[in-house]
């Protein structure tokens, strides 16, 4: 059974009232053969990088080799930056960001997260990175996926026409690409 870690976005009740629909869509679309882990992040209404990074690192440490990590919104931002800071001992099958805000020039400002100019080079070697972003996202505009693409040159970018920040609660595209990793 292939493991998937899904890191939620931030905000009041996001785990139970928003991102749970994304997880259910992914679970439904993938079907049997996948175990989706969906932990509640600490203080979800007011995410702090250090707290979330520690939680993400703990979750990743408990995964089997070859697991896939998925982060939505600020969860994706935390995930990718946590991986960039600590890649030794991480054996992942793929990294997937969904509507992740970019922190740095042209994106969001943060006192919590430091921009790594060499973000792509700092990620675990040989692990495919996919970036999904709705073209109608008003929370993290589509320009953020272009910033990630520039920072992670080998990433595969999927712009989803007409989709919002929650990607219309439909992760069929993501599930199809995850199944494609098995081929």
Protein backbone atom coordinates (compact mmCIF):
# COMPACT_ATOMS: atom_id res chain seq x y z
CA UNK A 1 0.00 0.00 0.00
CA UNK A 2 1.46 3.36 -1.06
CA UNK A 3 1.38 6.05 1.60
CA UNK A 4 0.41 9.64 0.99
CA UNK A 5 0.86 12.38 3.55
CA UNK A 6 -1.57 15.27 3.03
CA UNK A 7 -0.60 18.50 4.82
CA UNK A 8 -3.60 20.77 5.31
CA UNK A 9 -3.82 24.49 4.72
CA UNK A 10 -4.16 27.04 7.50
CA UNK A 11 -7.16 28.85 8.92
CA UNK A 12 -9.98 28.34 11.36
CA UNK A 13 -11.48 24.85 11.02
CA UNK A 14 -9.65 24.16 7.74
CA UNK A 15 -8.87 20.54 8.67
CA UNK A 16 -12.51 19.55 9.22
CA UNK A 17 -14.45 21.99 7.06
CA UNK A 18 -12.30 22.67 3.98
CA UNK A 19 -9.34 20.45 3.24
CA UNK A 20 -11.15 17.30 4.32
CA UNK A 21 -13.09 17.57 1.03
CA UNK A 22 -9.80 17.62 -0.89
CA UNK A 23 -8.61 14.54 1.00
CA UNK A 24 -11.91 12.73 0.35
CA UNK A 25 -11.67 13.58 -3.36
CA UNK A 26 -8.13 12.20 -3.49
CA UNK A 27 -9.14 9.07 -1.54
CA UNK A 28 -12.14 8.45 -3.81
CA UNK A 29 -10.16 9.03 -7.02
CA UNK A 30 -7.20 6.85 -5.99
CA UNK A 31 -9.23 3.94 -4.65
CA UNK A 32 -7.66 0.92 -3.00
CA UNK A 33 -3.92 0.60 -2.71
CA UNK A 34 -3.28 4.01 -1.13
CA UNK A 35 -3.21 5.03 2.51
CA UNK A 36 -3.79 8.75 2.98
CA UNK A 37 -2.52 10.19 6.24
CA UNK A 38 -4.19 13.49 7.13
CA UNK A 39 -2.88 14.83 10.44
CA UNK A 40 -4.24 17.96 12.06
CA UNK A 41 -1.54 20.64 12.12
CA UNK A 42 -0.92 22.51 15.37
CA UNK A 43 -2.80 25.78 15.86
CA UNK A 44 -4.30 25.61 12.38
CA UNK A 45 -5.98 29.02 12.73
CA UNK A 46 -2.58 30.73 13.14
CA UNK A 47 0.11 28.62 11.46
CA UNK A 48 3.70 29.11 12.64
CA UNK A 49 6.44 27.69 10.43
CA UNK A 50 8.48 26.23 13.29
CA UNK A 51 5.50 24.39 14.79
CA UNK A 52 4.24 23.10 11.48
CA UNK A 53 7.73 22.15 10.29
CA UNK A 54 8.24 20.02 13.40
CA UNK A 55 4.87 18.31 12.84
CA UNK A 56 5.60 17.72 9.14
CA UNK A 57 9.07 16.34 9.87
CA UNK A 58 7.61 13.97 12.47
CA UNK A 59 4.98 12.76 10.00
CA UNK A 60 7.54 12.28 7.22
CA UNK A 61 9.81 10.32 9.56
CA UNK A 62 6.96 7.86 10.17
CA UNK A 63 6.37 7.22 6.43
CA UNK A 64 7.57 4.24 4.45
CA UNK A 65 10.18 4.89 1.78
CA UNK A 66 8.69 6.09 -1.48
CA UNK A 67 5.72 7.82 0.11
CA UNK A 68 4.17 10.82 -1.62
CA UNK A 69 3.82 14.13 0.21
CA UNK A 70 1.07 16.59 -0.71
CA UNK A 71 0.65 20.08 0.74
CA UNK A 72 -2.29 22.39 0.21
CA UNK A 73 -2.03 26.17 0.53
CA UNK A 74 0.21 27.22 3.44
CA UNK A 75 0.66 23.51 4.17
CA UNK A 76 2.40 23.22 0.80
CA UNK A 77 4.53 26.25 1.55
CA UNK A 78 5.60 24.78 4.88
CA UNK A 79 6.16 21.35 3.33
CA UNK A 80 8.44 22.52 0.52
CA UNK A 81 10.45 24.82 2.77
CA UNK A 82 10.80 22.16 5.48
CA UNK A 83 12.09 19.72 2.85
CA UNK A 84 14.52 22.35 1.57
CA UNK A 85 15.95 22.77 5.04
CA UNK A 86 16.35 19.08 5.83
CA UNK A 87 16.65 16.55 3.03
CA UNK A 88 18.94 13.89 4.51
CA UNK A 89 17.18 10.65 5.29
CA UNK A 90 14.11 11.61 3.26
CA UNK A 91 13.16 8.96 0.68
CA UNK A 92 10.05 10.22 -1.09
CA UNK A 93 8.22 9.11 -4.21
CA UNK A 94 6.96 12.59 -5.11
CA UNK A 95 6.31 16.09 -3.78
CA UNK A 96 3.02 17.72 -4.74
CA UNK A 97 2.00 21.31 -3.98
CA UNK A 98 -1.62 22.41 -4.35
CA UNK A 99 -2.31 26.17 -4.54
CA UNK A 100 0.76 26.89 -2.41
CA UNK A 101 1.60 30.53 -1.75
CA UNK A 102 5.15 31.43 -2.68
CA UNK A 103 7.10 33.19 0.04
CA UNK A 104 9.67 35.60 -1.29
CA UNK A 105 10.06 38.32 -3.90
CA UNK A 106 6.87 38.62 -5.92
CA UNK A 107 4.91 36.43 -3.49
CA UNK A 108 3.92 36.64 0.15
CA UNK A 109 6.13 38.19 2.78
CA UNK A 110 6.92 36.22 5.92
CA UNK A 111 8.91 36.77 9.08
CA UNK A 112 8.60 33.04 9.69
CA UNK A 113 9.90 31.45 6.47
CA UNK A 114 13.22 32.23 4.82
CA UNK A 115 13.45 32.19 1.05
CA UNK A 116 16.00 29.78 -0.36
CA UNK A 117 17.28 31.13 -3.68
CA UNK A 118 18.35 27.57 -4.54
CA UNK A 119 15.06 25.96 -3.49
CA UNK A 120 15.01 23.32 -6.24
CA UNK A 121 18.62 22.26 -5.58
CA UNK A 122 17.90 21.88 -1.86
CA UNK A 123 15.07 19.36 -2.34
CA UNK A 124 15.67 15.60 -2.15
CA UNK A 125 17.55 14.56 -5.31
CA UNK A 126 15.61 12.73 -7.97
CA UNK A 127 12.20 13.26 -6.37
CA UNK A 128 9.63 14.57 -8.87
CA UNK A 129 7.87 17.80 -7.91
CA UNK A 130 4.44 18.73 -9.26
CA UNK A 131 2.76 22.11 -8.81
CA UNK A 132 -1.03 22.43 -9.19
CA UNK A 133 -2.68 25.83 -9.13
CA UNK A 134 -6.13 27.09 -10.03
CA UNK A 135 -6.16 29.93 -12.51
CA UNK A 136 -9.00 31.60 -10.54
CA UNK A 137 -7.23 31.37 -7.17
CA UNK A 138 -7.79 34.65 -5.32
CA UNK A 139 -5.94 33.58 -2.16
CA UNK A 140 -2.60 32.73 -3.79
CA UNK A 141 -2.73 34.15 -7.33
CA UNK A 142 -1.60 32.08 -10.31
CA UNK A 143 1.60 34.16 -10.38
CA UNK A 144 2.76 32.15 -7.34
CA UNK A 145 3.01 28.95 -9.36
CA UNK A 146 5.26 30.77 -11.87
CA UNK A 147 7.51 31.83 -8.98
CA UNK A 148 7.72 28.23 -7.77
CA UNK A 149 8.43 27.03 -11.31
CA UNK A 150 11.36 29.45 -11.52
CA UNK A 151 12.67 28.34 -8.11
CA UNK A 152 12.21 24.63 -8.90
CA UNK A 153 13.09 24.42 -12.61
CA UNK A 154 12.44 20.66 -12.93
CA UNK A 155 8.94 20.88 -11.42
CA UNK A 156 5.95 19.93 -13.53
CA UNK A 157 3.36 22.74 -13.52
CA UNK A 158 -0.35 22.07 -13.87
CA UNK A 159 -2.51 25.18 -14.29
CA UNK A 160 -6.13 24.26 -13.68
CA UNK A 161 -8.53 26.38 -15.74
CA UNK A 162 -11.43 27.89 -13.84
CA UNK A 163 -10.33 26.42 -10.48
CA UNK A 164 -10.19 28.37 -7.23
CA UNK A 165 -7.94 28.03 -4.17
CA UNK A 166 -9.73 24.83 -3.12
CA UNK A 167 -9.39 23.54 -6.71
CA UNK A 168 -13.19 23.08 -6.70
CA UNK A 169 -12.61 20.18 -4.26
CA UNK A 170 -11.64 17.96 -7.20
CA UNK A 171 -8.27 16.19 -7.17
CA UNK A 172 -8.96 13.81 -10.06
CA UNK A 173 -6.00 15.31 -11.99
CA UNK A 174 -3.71 14.83 -9.00
CA UNK A 175 -4.88 11.24 -8.48
CA UNK A 176 -4.29 10.45 -12.15
CA UNK A 177 -0.77 11.79 -11.97
CA UNK A 178 -0.09 9.85 -8.75
CA UNK A 179 -1.26 6.63 -10.41
CA UNK A 180 1.01 7.54 -13.34
CA UNK A 181 4.02 7.41 -11.01
CA UNK A 182 3.39 3.67 -10.64
CA UNK A 183 3.95 3.04 -14.36
